[in-house]
Amino acid sequence: MNIYPIKTEQDYQAAISRIEELWKNARKDTLEGDELDLLVTLVEAYEMKYYHILPPDPIDAIKFRMEQMGLRQSDMVKYLGSQSNVSEILNRKRELNLSMIKALYKELKIPAEILLA
């Protein structure tokens, strides 16, 4: 097991390929399992540095959570105040206010940093 820092895109692609190979059969507390853990850590660090991912759009996050939880627009009234508020917010015609953000965070577990973006 020879593991080196990921410094280039070529190193990154090689690490991803090796992770894909190991993923199939590597078991915890084996050399292959340890190699997989180390490579994943190195890839995550490289991605954090070079592939910065922007947080999701607040409305897209709400729609995604609604889909995950099987919620309809009518179910969102208790979090957003009225059916017209729900419609306007989901259609990007109205912004979320603080009480809506608190309700969505508390009840639907949508991270506040996403809702405040």
PDB file of N, CA and C in Angstrom:
ATOM      1  N   MET A   1       0.853  -1.174   0.000  1.00  0.00           N
ATOM      2  CA  MET A   1       0.000   0.000   0.000  1.00  0.00           C
ATOM      3  C   MET A   1       0.897   1.234   0.000  1.00  0.00           C
ATOM      4  N   ASN A   2       0.960   1.903  -1.139  1.00  0.00           N
ATOM      5  CA  ASN A   2       1.703   3.154  -1.267  1.00  0.00           C
ATOM      6  C   ASN A   2       0.707   4.283  -1.466  1.00  0.00           C
ATOM      7  N   ILE A   3       0.592   5.140  -0.483  1.00  0.00           N
ATOM      8  CA  ILE A   3      -0.347   6.256  -0.574  1.00  0.00           C
ATOM      9  C   ILE A   3       0.447   7.548  -0.495  1.00  0.00           C
ATOM     10  N   TYR A   4       0.129   8.446  -1.428  1.00  0.00           N
ATOM     11  CA  TYR A   4       0.825   9.728  -1.511  1.00  0.00           C
ATOM     12  C   TYR A   4      -0.198  10.862  -1.504  1.00  0.00           C
ATOM     13  N   PRO A   5       0.247  12.058  -1.161  1.00  0.00           N
ATOM     14  CA  PRO A   5      -0.669  13.205  -1.213  1.00  0.00           C
ATOM     15  C   PRO A   5      -1.215  13.400  -2.625  1.00  0.00           C
ATOM     16  N   ILE A   6      -2.428  13.896  -2.718  1.00  0.00           N
ATOM     17  CA  ILE A   6      -3.039  14.202  -4.006  1.00  0.00           C
ATOM     18  C   ILE A   6      -2.693  15.641  -4.335  1.00  0.00           C
ATOM     19  N   LYS A   7      -1.866  15.818  -5.372  1.00  0.00           N
ATOM     20  CA  LYS A   7      -1.382  17.153  -5.727  1.00  0.00           C
ATOM     21  C   LYS A   7      -1.902  17.628  -7.084  1.00  0.00           C
ATOM     22  N   THR A   8      -2.284  16.686  -7.922  1.00  0.00           N
ATOM     23  CA  THR A   8      -2.708  17.057  -9.279  1.00  0.00           C
ATOM     24  C   THR A   8      -4.038  16.385  -9.602  1.00  0.00           C
ATOM     25  N   GLU A   9      -4.630  16.828 -10.692  1.00  0.00           N
ATOM     26  CA  GLU A   9      -5.870  16.206 -11.165  1.00  0.00           C
ATOM     27  C   GLU A   9      -5.623  14.737 -11.526  1.00  0.00           C
ATOM     28  N   GLN A  10      -4.455  14.451 -12.046  1.00  0.00           N
ATOM     29  CA  GLN A  10      -4.100  13.063 -12.387  1.00  0.00           C
ATOM     30  C   GLN A  10      -4.031  12.206 -11.118  1.00  0.00           C
ATOM     31  N   ASP A  11      -3.419  12.727 -10.059  1.00  0.00           N
ATOM     32  CA  ASP A  11      -3.378  12.022  -8.769  1.00  0.00           C
ATOM     33  C   ASP A  11      -4.801  11.775  -8.259  1.00  0.00           C
ATOM     34  N   TYR A  12      -5.633  12.798  -8.400  1.00  0.00           N
ATOM     35  CA  TYR A  12      -7.025  12.723  -7.942  1.00  0.00           C
ATOM     36  C   TYR A  12      -7.765  11.610  -8.689  1.00  0.00           C
ATOM     37  N   GLN A  13      -7.646  11.583 -10.009  1.00  0.00           N
ATOM     38  CA  GLN A  13      -8.333  10.567 -10.806  1.00  0.00           C
ATOM     39  C   GLN A  13      -7.830   9.162 -10.467  1.00  0.00           C
ATOM     40  N   ALA A  14      -6.540   9.036 -10.221  1.00  0.00           N
ATOM     41  CA  ALA A  14      -5.975   7.736  -9.842  1.00  0.00           C
ATOM     42  C   ALA A  14      -6.529   7.284  -8.494  1.00  0.00           C
ATOM     43  N   ALA A  15      -6.651   8.213  -7.559  1.00  0.00           N
ATOM     44  CA  ALA A  15      -7.201   7.885  -6.243  1.00  0.00           C
ATOM     45  C   ALA A  15      -8.663   7.463  -6.359  1.00  0.00           C
ATOM     46  N   ILE A  16      -9.435   8.170  -7.186  1.00  0.00           N
ATOM     47  CA  ILE A  16     -10.839   7.811  -7.388  1.00  0.00           C
ATOM     48  C   ILE A  16     -10.949   6.410  -7.979  1.00  0.00           C
ATOM     49  N   SER A  17     -10.112   6.104  -8.950  1.00  0.00           N
ATOM     50  CA  SER A  17     -10.120   4.765  -9.559  1.00  0.00           C
ATOM     51  C   SER A  17      -9.809   3.692  -8.523  1.00  0.00           C
ATOM     52  N   ARG A  18      -8.816   3.960  -7.694  1.00  0.00           N
ATOM     53  CA  ARG A  18      -8.442   2.974  -6.666  1.00  0.00           C
ATOM     54  C   ARG A  18      -9.557   2.815  -5.637  1.00  0.00           C
ATOM     55  N   ILE A  19     -10.202   3.900  -5.270  1.00  0.00           N
ATOM     56  CA  ILE A  19     -11.335   3.825  -4.332  1.00  0.00           C
ATOM     57  C   ILE A  19     -12.428   2.939  -4.920  1.00  0.00           C
ATOM     58  N   GLU A  20     -12.727   3.122  -6.197  1.00  0.00           N
ATOM     59  CA  GLU A  20     -13.753   2.303  -6.848  1.00  0.00           C
ATOM     60  C   GLU A  20     -13.392   0.826  -6.817  1.00  0.00           C
ATOM     61  N   GLU A  21     -12.115   0.502  -7.000  1.00  0.00           N
ATOM     62  CA  GLU A  21     -11.664  -0.893  -6.925  1.00  0.00           C
ATOM     63  C   GLU A  21     -11.831  -1.448  -5.516  1.00  0.00           C
ATOM     64  N   LEU A  22     -11.386  -0.672  -4.536  1.00  0.00           N
ATOM     65  CA  LEU A  22     -11.423  -1.128  -3.148  1.00  0.00           C
ATOM     66  C   LEU A  22     -12.842  -1.227  -2.602  1.00  0.00           C
ATOM     67  N   TRP A  23     -13.713  -0.379  -3.090  1.00  0.00           N
ATOM     68  CA  TRP A  23     -15.069  -0.279  -2.555  1.00  0.00           C
ATOM     69  C   TRP A  23     -15.807  -1.618  -2.606  1.00  0.00           C
ATOM     70  N   LYS A  24     -15.513  -2.403  -3.604  1.00  0.00           N
ATOM     71  CA  LYS A  24     -16.227  -3.662  -3.827  1.00  0.00           C
ATOM     72  C   LYS A  24     -15.931  -4.696  -2.752  1.00  0.00           C
ATOM     73  N   ASN A  25     -14.675  -4.782  -2.317  1.00  0.00           N
ATOM     74  CA  ASN A  25     -14.292  -5.903  -1.459  1.00  0.00           C
ATOM     75  C   ASN A  25     -13.570  -5.534  -0.171  1.00  0.00           C
ATOM     76  N   ALA A  26     -13.203  -4.304   0.001  1.00  0.00           N
ATOM     77  CA  ALA A  26     -12.428  -3.932   1.190  1.00  0.00           C
ATOM     78  C   ALA A  26     -13.266  -4.123   2.458  1.00  0.00           C
ATOM     79  N   ARG A  27     -12.670  -4.689   3.453  1.00  0.00           N
ATOM     80  CA  ARG A  27     -13.330  -4.927   4.746  1.00  0.00           C
ATOM     81  C   ARG A  27     -12.628  -4.115   5.829  1.00  0.00           C
ATOM     82  N   LYS A  28     -13.410  -3.727   6.816  1.00  0.00           N
ATOM     83  CA  LYS A  28     -12.883  -2.961   7.939  1.00  0.00           C
ATOM     84  C   LYS A  28     -11.761  -3.744   8.630  1.00  0.00           C
ATOM     85  N   ASP A  29     -10.777  -3.002   9.107  1.00  0.00           N
ATOM     86  CA  ASP A  29      -9.648  -3.573   9.850  1.00  0.00           C
ATOM     87  C   ASP A  29      -8.801  -4.539   9.014  1.00  0.00           C
ATOM     88  N   THR A  30      -8.709  -4.249   7.717  1.00  0.00           N
ATOM     89  CA  THR A  30      -7.786  -4.977   6.836  1.00  0.00           C
ATOM     90  C   THR A  30      -6.911  -3.927   6.158  1.00  0.00           C
ATOM     91  N   LEU A  31      -5.847  -4.371   5.503  1.00  0.00           N
ATOM     92  CA  LEU A  31      -4.997  -3.424   4.777  1.00  0.00           C
ATOM     93  C   LEU A  31      -5.795  -2.674   3.716  1.00  0.00           C
ATOM     94  N   GLU A  32      -6.655  -3.417   3.009  1.00  0.00           N
ATOM     95  CA  GLU A  32      -7.469  -2.777   1.976  1.00  0.00           C
ATOM     96  C   GLU A  32      -8.463  -1.784   2.583  1.00  0.00           C
ATOM     97  N   GLY A  33      -9.039  -2.136   3.705  1.00  0.00           N
ATOM     98  CA  GLY A  33      -9.965  -1.227   4.385  1.00  0.00           C
ATOM     99  C   GLY A  33      -9.275   0.034   4.860  1.00  0.00           C
ATOM    100  N   ASP A  34      -8.067  -0.119   5.400  1.00  0.00           N
ATOM    101  CA  ASP A  34      -7.288   1.045   5.831  1.00  0.00           C
ATOM    102  C   ASP A  34      -6.896   1.916   4.643  1.00  0.00           C
ATOM    103  N   GLU A  35      -6.501   1.266   3.533  1.00  0.00           N
ATOM    104  CA  GLU A  35      -6.158   2.014   2.330  1.00  0.00           C
ATOM    105  C   GLU A  35      -7.370   2.815   1.838  1.00  0.00           C
ATOM    106  N   LEU A  36      -8.528   2.188   1.843  1.00  0.00           N
ATOM    107  CA  LEU A  36      -9.749   2.873   1.416  1.00  0.00           C
ATOM    108  C   LEU A  36     -10.024   4.087   2.299  1.00  0.00           C
ATOM    109  N   ASP A  37      -9.929   3.922   3.604  1.00  0.00           N
ATOM    110  CA  ASP A  37     -10.150   5.039   4.529  1.00  0.00           C
ATOM    111  C   ASP A  37      -9.193   6.196   4.258  1.00  0.00           C
ATOM    112  N   LEU A  38      -7.931   5.869   4.064  1.00  0.00           N
ATOM    113  CA  LEU A  38      -6.941   6.913   3.810  1.00  0.00           C
ATOM    114  C   LEU A  38      -7.189   7.623   2.481  1.00  0.00           C
ATOM    115  N   LEU A  39      -7.489   6.865   1.447  1.00  0.00           N
ATOM    116  CA  LEU A  39      -7.742   7.479   0.142  1.00  0.00           C
ATOM    117  C   LEU A  39      -8.975   8.366   0.162  1.00  0.00           C
ATOM    118  N   VAL A  40     -10.020   7.921   0.823  1.00  0.00           N
ATOM    119  CA  VAL A  40     -11.236   8.731   0.923  1.00  0.00           C
ATOM    120  C   VAL A  40     -10.931  10.040   1.643  1.00  0.00           C
ATOM    121  N   THR A  41     -10.140   9.974   2.698  1.00  0.00           N
ATOM    122  CA  THR A  41      -9.761  11.185   3.432  1.00  0.00           C
ATOM    123  C   THR A  41      -8.961  12.135   2.551  1.00  0.00           C
ATOM    124  N   LEU A  42      -8.023  11.610   1.795  1.00  0.00           N
ATOM    125  CA  LEU A  42      -7.221  12.439   0.899  1.00  0.00           C
ATOM    126  C   LEU A  42      -8.073  13.058  -0.210  1.00  0.00           C
ATOM    127  N   VAL A  43      -8.980  12.274  -0.771  1.00  0.00           N
ATOM    128  CA  VAL A  43      -9.857  12.783  -1.834  1.00  0.00           C
ATOM    129  C   VAL A  43     -10.765  13.876  -1.285  1.00  0.00           C
ATOM    130  N   GLU A  44     -11.322  13.671  -0.100  1.00  0.00           N
ATOM    131  CA  GLU A  44     -12.175  14.702   0.507  1.00  0.00           C
ATOM    132  C   GLU A  44     -11.407  16.001   0.704  1.00  0.00           C
ATOM    133  N   ALA A  45     -10.183  15.908   1.173  1.00  0.00           N
ATOM    134  CA  ALA A  45      -9.374  17.110   1.377  1.00  0.00           C
ATOM    135  C   ALA A  45      -9.092  17.814   0.049  1.00  0.00           C
ATOM    136  N   TYR A  46      -8.776  17.043  -0.970  1.00  0.00           N
ATOM    137  CA  TYR A  46      -8.508  17.617  -2.293  1.00  0.00           C
ATOM    138  C   TYR A  46      -9.774  18.290  -2.842  1.00  0.00           C
ATOM    139  N   GLU A  47     -10.909  17.618  -2.705  1.00  0.00           N
ATOM    140  CA  GLU A  47     -12.165  18.181  -3.203  1.00  0.00           C
ATOM    141  C   GLU A  47     -12.549  19.455  -2.461  1.00  0.00           C
ATOM    142  N   MET A  48     -12.316  19.493  -1.158  1.00  0.00           N
ATOM    143  CA  MET A  48     -12.624  20.699  -0.382  1.00  0.00           C
ATOM    144  C   MET A  48     -11.782  21.881  -0.868  1.00  0.00           C
ATOM    145  N   LYS A  49     -10.577  21.592  -1.280  1.00  0.00           N
ATOM    146  CA  LYS A  49      -9.682  22.647  -1.718  1.00  0.00           C
ATOM    147  C   LYS A  49      -9.959  23.095  -3.155  1.00  0.00           C
ATOM    148  N   TYR A  50     -10.238  22.146  -4.038  1.00  0.00           N
ATOM    149  CA  TYR A  50     -10.320  22.466  -5.462  1.00  0.00           C
ATOM    150  C   TYR A  50     -11.716  22.368  -6.081  1.00  0.00           C
ATOM    151  N   TYR A  51     -12.634  21.756  -5.409  1.00  0.00           N
ATOM    152  CA  TYR A  51     -13.989  21.595  -5.943  1.00  0.00           C
ATOM    153  C   TYR A  51     -15.004  22.143  -4.954  1.00  0.00           C
ATOM    154  N   HIS A  52     -14.864  23.402  -4.647  1.00  0.00           N
ATOM    155  CA  HIS A  52     -15.770  24.015  -3.680  1.00  0.00           C
ATOM    156  C   HIS A  52     -17.206  23.925  -4.196  1.00  0.00           C
ATOM    157  N   ILE A  53     -18.072  23.361  -3.397  1.00  0.00           N
ATOM    158  CA  ILE A  53     -19.466  23.191  -3.783  1.00  0.00           C
ATOM    159  C   ILE A  53     -20.297  24.249  -3.070  1.00  0.00           C
ATOM    160  N   LEU A  54     -21.032  24.993  -3.849  1.00  0.00           N
ATOM    161  CA  LEU A  54     -21.895  26.022  -3.277  1.00  0.00           C
ATOM    162  C   LEU A  54     -23.080  25.367  -2.578  1.00  0.00           C
ATOM    163  N   PRO A  55     -23.586  26.005  -1.519  1.00  0.00           N
ATOM    164  CA  PRO A  55     -24.755  25.442  -0.854  1.00  0.00           C
ATOM    165  C   PRO A  55     -25.955  25.476  -1.792  1.00  0.00           C
ATOM    166  N   PRO A  56     -26.901  24.564  -1.588  1.00  0.00           N
ATOM    167  CA  PRO A  56     -28.067  24.549  -2.465  1.00  0.00           C
ATOM    168  C   PRO A  56     -28.924  25.800  -2.285  1.00  0.00           C
ATOM    169  N   ASP A  57     -29.669  26.098  -3.298  1.00  0.00           N
ATOM    170  CA  ASP A  57     -30.621  27.188  -3.252  1.00  0.00           C
ATOM    171  C   ASP A  57     -31.688  26.861  -2.201  1.00  0.00           C
ATOM    172  N   PRO A  58     -32.110  27.838  -1.383  1.00  0.00           N
ATOM    173  CA  PRO A  58     -33.092  27.561  -0.325  1.00  0.00           C
ATOM    174  C   PRO A  58     -34.397  26.946  -0.850  1.00  0.00           C
ATOM    175  N   ILE A  59     -34.899  27.448  -1.952  1.00  0.00           N
ATOM    176  CA  ILE A  59     -36.164  26.930  -2.481  1.00  0.00           C
ATOM    177  C   ILE A  59     -35.981  25.508  -3.000  1.00  0.00           C
ATOM    178  N   ASP A  60     -34.862  25.261  -3.659  1.00  0.00           N
ATOM    179  CA  ASP A  60     -34.582  23.897  -4.112  1.00  0.00           C
ATOM    180  C   ASP A  60     -34.457  22.950  -2.923  1.00  0.00           C
ATOM    181  N   ALA A  61     -33.866  23.420  -1.833  1.00  0.00           N
ATOM    182  CA  ALA A  61     -33.732  22.598  -0.628  1.00  0.00           C
ATOM    183  C   ALA A  61     -35.105  22.282  -0.034  1.00  0.00           C
ATOM    184  N   ILE A  62     -35.993  23.256  -0.023  1.00  0.00           N
ATOM    185  CA  ILE A  62     -37.347  23.031   0.490  1.00  0.00           C
ATOM    186  C   ILE A  62     -38.069  22.013  -0.393  1.00  0.00           C
ATOM    187  N   LYS A  63     -37.991  22.190  -1.690  1.00  0.00           N
ATOM    188  CA  LYS A  63     -38.658  21.261  -2.612  1.00  0.00           C
ATOM    189  C   LYS A  63     -38.088  19.850  -2.482  1.00  0.00           C
ATOM    190  N   PHE A  64     -36.785  19.754  -2.309  1.00  0.00           N
ATOM    191  CA  PHE A  64     -36.153  18.447  -2.134  1.00  0.00           C
ATOM    192  C   PHE A  64     -36.656  17.774  -0.867  1.00  0.00           C
ATOM    193  N   ARG A  65     -36.717  18.534   0.240  1.00  0.00           N
ATOM    194  CA  ARG A  65     -37.201  17.959   1.505  1.00  0.00           C
ATOM    195  C   ARG A  65     -38.667  17.565   1.394  1.00  0.00           C
ATOM    196  N   MET A  66     -39.459  18.378   0.686  1.00  0.00           N
ATOM    197  CA  MET A  66     -40.863  18.029   0.474  1.00  0.00           C
ATOM    198  C   MET A  66     -40.967  16.694  -0.257  1.00  0.00           C
ATOM    199  N   GLU A  67     -40.146  16.524  -1.290  1.00  0.00           N
ATOM    200  CA  GLU A  67     -40.156  15.277  -2.049  1.00  0.00           C
ATOM    201  C   GLU A  67     -39.728  14.106  -1.171  1.00  0.00           C
ATOM    202  N   GLN A  68     -38.673  14.306  -0.383  1.00  0.00           N
ATOM    203  CA  GLN A  68     -38.180  13.246   0.508  1.00  0.00           C
ATOM    204  C   GLN A  68     -39.256  12.792   1.484  1.00  0.00           C
ATOM    205  N   MET A  69     -40.014  13.760   1.987  1.00  0.00           N
ATOM    206  CA  MET A  69     -40.994  13.469   3.033  1.00  0.00           C
ATOM    207  C   MET A  69     -42.402  13.232   2.488  1.00  0.00           C
ATOM    208  N   GLY A  70     -42.557  13.299   1.181  1.00  0.00           N
ATOM    209  CA  GLY A  70     -43.867  13.091   0.583  1.00  0.00           C
ATOM    210  C   GLY A  70     -44.859  14.194   0.914  1.00  0.00           C
ATOM    211  N   LEU A  71     -44.358  15.426   1.061  1.00  0.00           N
ATOM    212  CA  LEU A  71     -45.223  16.552   1.410  1.00  0.00           C
ATOM    213  C   LEU A  71     -45.740  17.249   0.162  1.00  0.00           C
ATOM    214  N   ARG A  72     -46.965  17.743   0.257  1.00  0.00           N
ATOM    215  CA  ARG A  72     -47.547  18.539  -0.821  1.00  0.00           C
ATOM    216  C   ARG A  72     -47.495  20.007  -0.407  1.00  0.00           C
ATOM    217  N   GLN A  73     -47.821  20.877  -1.355  1.00  0.00           N
ATOM    218  CA  GLN A  73     -47.824  22.309  -1.041  1.00  0.00           C
ATOM    219  C   GLN A  73     -48.769  22.607   0.111  1.00  0.00           C
ATOM    220  N   SER A  74     -49.905  21.933   0.156  1.00  0.00           N
ATOM    221  CA  SER A  74     -50.868  22.182   1.236  1.00  0.00           C
ATOM    222  C   SER A  74     -50.290  21.819   2.607  1.00  0.00           C
ATOM    223  N   ASP A  75     -49.357  20.877   2.652  1.00  0.00           N
ATOM    224  CA  ASP A  75     -48.714  20.496   3.915  1.00  0.00           C
ATOM    225  C   ASP A  75     -47.770  21.580   4.425  1.00  0.00           C
ATOM    226  N   MET A  76     -47.336  22.458   3.544  1.00  0.00           N
ATOM    227  CA  MET A  76     -46.355  23.479   3.898  1.00  0.00           C
ATOM    228  C   MET A  76     -46.975  24.703   4.557  1.00  0.00           C
ATOM    229  N   VAL A  77     -48.306  24.795   4.553  1.00  0.00           N
ATOM    230  CA  VAL A  77     -48.985  25.957   5.149  1.00  0.00           C
ATOM    231  C   VAL A  77     -48.591  26.126   6.605  1.00  0.00           C
ATOM    232  N   LYS A  78     -48.472  25.031   7.338  1.00  0.00           N
ATOM    233  CA  LYS A  78     -48.140  25.152   8.773  1.00  0.00           C
ATOM    234  C   LYS A  78     -46.740  25.721   9.005  1.00  0.00           C
ATOM    235  N   TYR A  79     -45.872  25.665   8.009  1.00  0.00           N
ATOM    236  CA  TYR A  79     -44.526  26.211   8.147  1.00  0.00           C
ATOM    237  C   TYR A  79     -44.387  27.600   7.534  1.00  0.00           C
ATOM    238  N   LEU A  80     -45.198  27.876   6.514  1.00  0.00           N
ATOM    239  CA  LEU A  80     -45.032  29.120   5.753  1.00  0.00           C
ATOM    240  C   LEU A  80     -46.197  30.091   5.896  1.00  0.00           C
ATOM    241  N   GLY A  81     -47.218  29.711   6.625  1.00  0.00           N
ATOM    242  CA  GLY A  81     -48.260  30.661   7.004  1.00  0.00           C
ATOM    243  C   GLY A  81     -49.567  30.627   6.249  1.00  0.00           C
ATOM    244  N   SER A  82     -49.560  30.481   4.958  1.00  0.00           N
ATOM    245  CA  SER A  82     -50.804  30.430   4.183  1.00  0.00           C
ATOM    246  C   SER A  82     -50.519  29.773   2.842  1.00  0.00           C
ATOM    247  N   GLN A  83     -51.577  29.363   2.165  1.00  0.00           N
ATOM    248  CA  GLN A  83     -51.405  28.730   0.857  1.00  0.00           C
ATOM    249  C   GLN A  83     -50.798  29.709  -0.145  1.00  0.00           C
ATOM    250  N   SER A  84     -51.187  30.988  -0.049  1.00  0.00           N
ATOM    251  CA  SER A  84     -50.606  31.966  -0.973  1.00  0.00           C
ATOM    252  C   SER A  84     -49.119  32.171  -0.686  1.00  0.00           C
ATOM    253  N   ASN A  85     -48.735  32.177   0.602  1.00  0.00           N
ATOM    254  CA  ASN A  85     -47.306  32.271   0.949  1.00  0.00           C
ATOM    255  C   ASN A  85     -46.542  31.086   0.358  1.00  0.00           C
ATOM    256  N   VAL A  86     -47.097  29.898   0.530  1.00  0.00           N
ATOM    257  CA  VAL A  86     -46.436  28.693   0.020  1.00  0.00           C
ATOM    258  C   VAL A  86     -46.213  28.820  -1.479  1.00  0.00           C
ATOM    259  N   SER A  87     -47.255  29.175  -2.195  1.00  0.00           N
ATOM    260  CA  SER A  87     -47.169  29.298  -3.644  1.00  0.00           C
ATOM    261  C   SER A  87     -46.160  30.365  -4.056  1.00  0.00           C
ATOM    262  N   GLU A  88     -46.218  31.524  -3.419  1.00  0.00           N
ATOM    263  CA  GLU A  88     -45.300  32.613  -3.766  1.00  0.00           C
ATOM    264  C   GLU A  88     -43.850  32.259  -3.451  1.00  0.00           C
ATOM    265  N   ILE A  89     -43.631  31.591  -2.327  1.00  0.00           N
ATOM    266  CA  ILE A  89     -42.258  31.215  -1.950  1.00  0.00           C
ATOM    267  C   ILE A  89     -41.715  30.157  -2.902  1.00  0.00           C
ATOM    268  N   LEU A  90     -42.503  29.123  -3.174  1.00  0.00           N
ATOM    269  CA  LEU A  90     -42.030  28.055  -4.053  1.00  0.00           C
ATOM    270  C   LEU A  90     -41.860  28.525  -5.493  1.00  0.00           C
ATOM    271  N   ASN A  91     -42.531  29.607  -5.853  1.00  0.00           N
ATOM    272  CA  ASN A  91     -42.378  30.196  -7.187  1.00  0.00           C
ATOM    273  C   ASN A  91     -41.425  31.390  -7.183  1.00  0.00           C
ATOM    274  N   ARG A  92     -40.730  31.576  -6.065  1.00  0.00           N
ATOM    275  CA  ARG A  92     -39.685  32.605  -5.930  1.00  0.00           C
ATOM    276  C   ARG A  92     -40.208  34.036  -6.077  1.00  0.00           C
ATOM    277  N   LYS A  93     -41.443  34.240  -5.677  1.00  0.00           N
ATOM    278  CA  LYS A  93     -42.034  35.587  -5.732  1.00  0.00           C
ATOM    279  C   LYS A  93     -42.040  36.256  -4.363  1.00  0.00           C
ATOM    280  N   ARG A  94     -41.726  35.494  -3.330  1.00  0.00           N
ATOM    281  CA  ARG A  94     -41.672  36.005  -1.968  1.00  0.00           C
ATOM    282  C   ARG A  94     -40.487  35.365  -1.273  1.00  0.00           C
ATOM    283  N   GLU A  95     -39.835  36.128  -0.397  1.00  0.00           N
ATOM    284  CA  GLU A  95     -38.696  35.590   0.347  1.00  0.00           C
ATOM    285  C   GLU A  95     -39.157  35.003   1.676  1.00  0.00           C
ATOM    286  N   LEU A  96     -38.356  34.088   2.171  1.00  0.00           N
ATOM    287  CA  LEU A  96     -38.619  33.524   3.493  1.00  0.00           C
ATOM    288  C   LEU A  96     -38.378  34.577   4.559  1.00  0.00           C
ATOM    289  N   ASN A  97     -39.216  34.582   5.595  1.00  0.00           N
ATOM    290  CA  ASN A  97     -38.948  35.459   6.730  1.00  0.00           C
ATOM    291  C   ASN A  97     -38.388  34.615   7.876  1.00  0.00           C
ATOM    292  N   LEU A  98     -37.995  35.258   8.942  1.00  0.00           N
ATOM    293  CA  LEU A  98     -37.327  34.566  10.047  1.00  0.00           C
ATOM    294  C   LEU A  98     -38.196  33.482  10.680  1.00  0.00           C
ATOM    295  N   SER A  99     -39.482  33.741  10.865  1.00  0.00           N
ATOM    296  CA  SER A  99     -40.345  32.725  11.488  1.00  0.00           C
ATOM    297  C   SER A  99     -40.492  31.506  10.575  1.00  0.00           C
ATOM    298  N   MET A 100     -40.529  31.719   9.268  1.00  0.00           N
ATOM    299  CA  MET A 100     -40.597  30.597   8.328  1.00  0.00           C
ATOM    300  C   MET A 100     -39.313  29.779   8.381  1.00  0.00           C
ATOM    301  N   ILE A 101     -38.182  30.471   8.396  1.00  0.00           N
ATOM    302  CA  ILE A 101     -36.885  29.799   8.458  1.00  0.00           C
ATOM    303  C   ILE A 101     -36.784  28.958   9.729  1.00  0.00           C
ATOM    304  N   LYS A 102     -37.209  29.524  10.850  1.00  0.00           N
ATOM    305  CA  LYS A 102     -37.180  28.777  12.117  1.00  0.00           C
ATOM    306  C   LYS A 102     -38.047  27.532  12.035  1.00  0.00           C
ATOM    307  N   ALA A 103     -39.242  27.661  11.473  1.00  0.00           N
ATOM    308  CA  ALA A 103     -40.150  26.514  11.379  1.00  0.00           C
ATOM    309  C   ALA A 103     -39.577  25.431  10.460  1.00  0.00           C
ATOM    310  N   LEU A 104     -39.028  25.827   9.324  1.00  0.00           N
ATOM    311  CA  LEU A 104     -38.455  24.857   8.395  1.00  0.00           C
ATOM    312  C   LEU A 104     -37.238  24.161   8.996  1.00  0.00           C
ATOM    313  N   TYR A 105     -36.451  24.919   9.738  1.00  0.00           N
ATOM    314  CA  TYR A 105     -35.276  24.347  10.408  1.00  0.00           C
ATOM    315  C   TYR A 105     -35.708  23.369  11.504  1.00  0.00           C
ATOM    316  N   LYS A 106     -36.626  23.815  12.341  1.00  0.00           N
ATOM    317  CA  LYS A 106     -37.037  23.009  13.493  1.00  0.00           C
ATOM    318  C   LYS A 106     -37.834  21.773  13.086  1.00  0.00           C
ATOM    319  N   GLU A 107     -38.785  21.944  12.201  1.00  0.00           N
ATOM    320  CA  GLU A 107     -39.697  20.857  11.879  1.00  0.00           C
ATOM    321  C   GLU A 107     -39.239  19.963  10.726  1.00  0.00           C
ATOM    322  N   LEU A 108     -38.600  20.549   9.724  1.00  0.00           N
ATOM    323  CA  LEU A 108     -38.195  19.766   8.559  1.00  0.00           C
ATOM    324  C   LEU A 108     -36.691  19.496   8.530  1.00  0.00           C
ATOM    325  N   LYS A 109     -35.979  20.055   9.513  1.00  0.00           N
ATOM    326  CA  LYS A 109     -34.532  19.831   9.657  1.00  0.00           C
ATOM    327  C   LYS A 109     -33.736  20.294   8.439  1.00  0.00           C
ATOM    328  N   ILE A 110     -34.195  21.375   7.805  1.00  0.00           N
ATOM    329  CA  ILE A 110     -33.429  21.978   6.717  1.00  0.00           C
ATOM    330  C   ILE A 110     -32.421  22.912   7.371  1.00  0.00           C
ATOM    331  N   PRO A 111     -31.137  22.757   7.127  1.00  0.00           N
ATOM    332  CA  PRO A 111     -30.137  23.579   7.796  1.00  0.00           C
ATOM    333  C   PRO A 111     -30.392  25.088   7.596  1.00  0.00           C
ATOM    334  N   ALA A 112     -30.272  25.823   8.668  1.00  0.00           N
ATOM    335  CA  ALA A 112     -30.517  27.272   8.628  1.00  0.00           C
ATOM    336  C   ALA A 112     -29.581  27.976   7.656  1.00  0.00           C
ATOM    337  N   GLU A 113     -28.324  27.542   7.569  1.00  0.00           N
ATOM    338  CA  GLU A 113     -27.383  28.205   6.675  1.00  0.00           C
ATOM    339  C   GLU A 113     -27.824  28.102   5.209  1.00  0.00           C
ATOM    340  N   ILE A 114     -28.555  27.053   4.867  1.00  0.00           N
ATOM    341  CA  ILE A 114     -29.100  26.936   3.523  1.00  0.00           C
ATOM    342  C   ILE A 114     -30.278  27.870   3.347  1.00  0.00           C
ATOM    343  N   LEU A 115     -31.150  27.908   4.328  1.00  0.00           N
ATOM    344  CA  LEU A 115     -32.350  28.742   4.241  1.00  0.00           C
ATOM    345  C   LEU A 115     -32.013  30.232   4.252  1.00  0.00           C
ATOM    346  N   LEU A 116     -30.905  30.600   4.870  1.00  0.00           N
ATOM    347  CA  LEU A 116     -30.502  32.006   4.952  1.00  0.00           C
ATOM    348  C   LEU A 116     -29.726  32.479   3.727  1.00  0.00           C
ATOM    349  N   ALA A 117     -29.337  31.547   2.862  1.00  0.00           N
ATOM    350  CA  ALA A 117     -28.524  31.906   1.688  1.00  0.00           C
ATOM    351  C   ALA A 117     -29.293  32.807   0.740  1.00  0.00           C
TER     352      ALA A 117
END
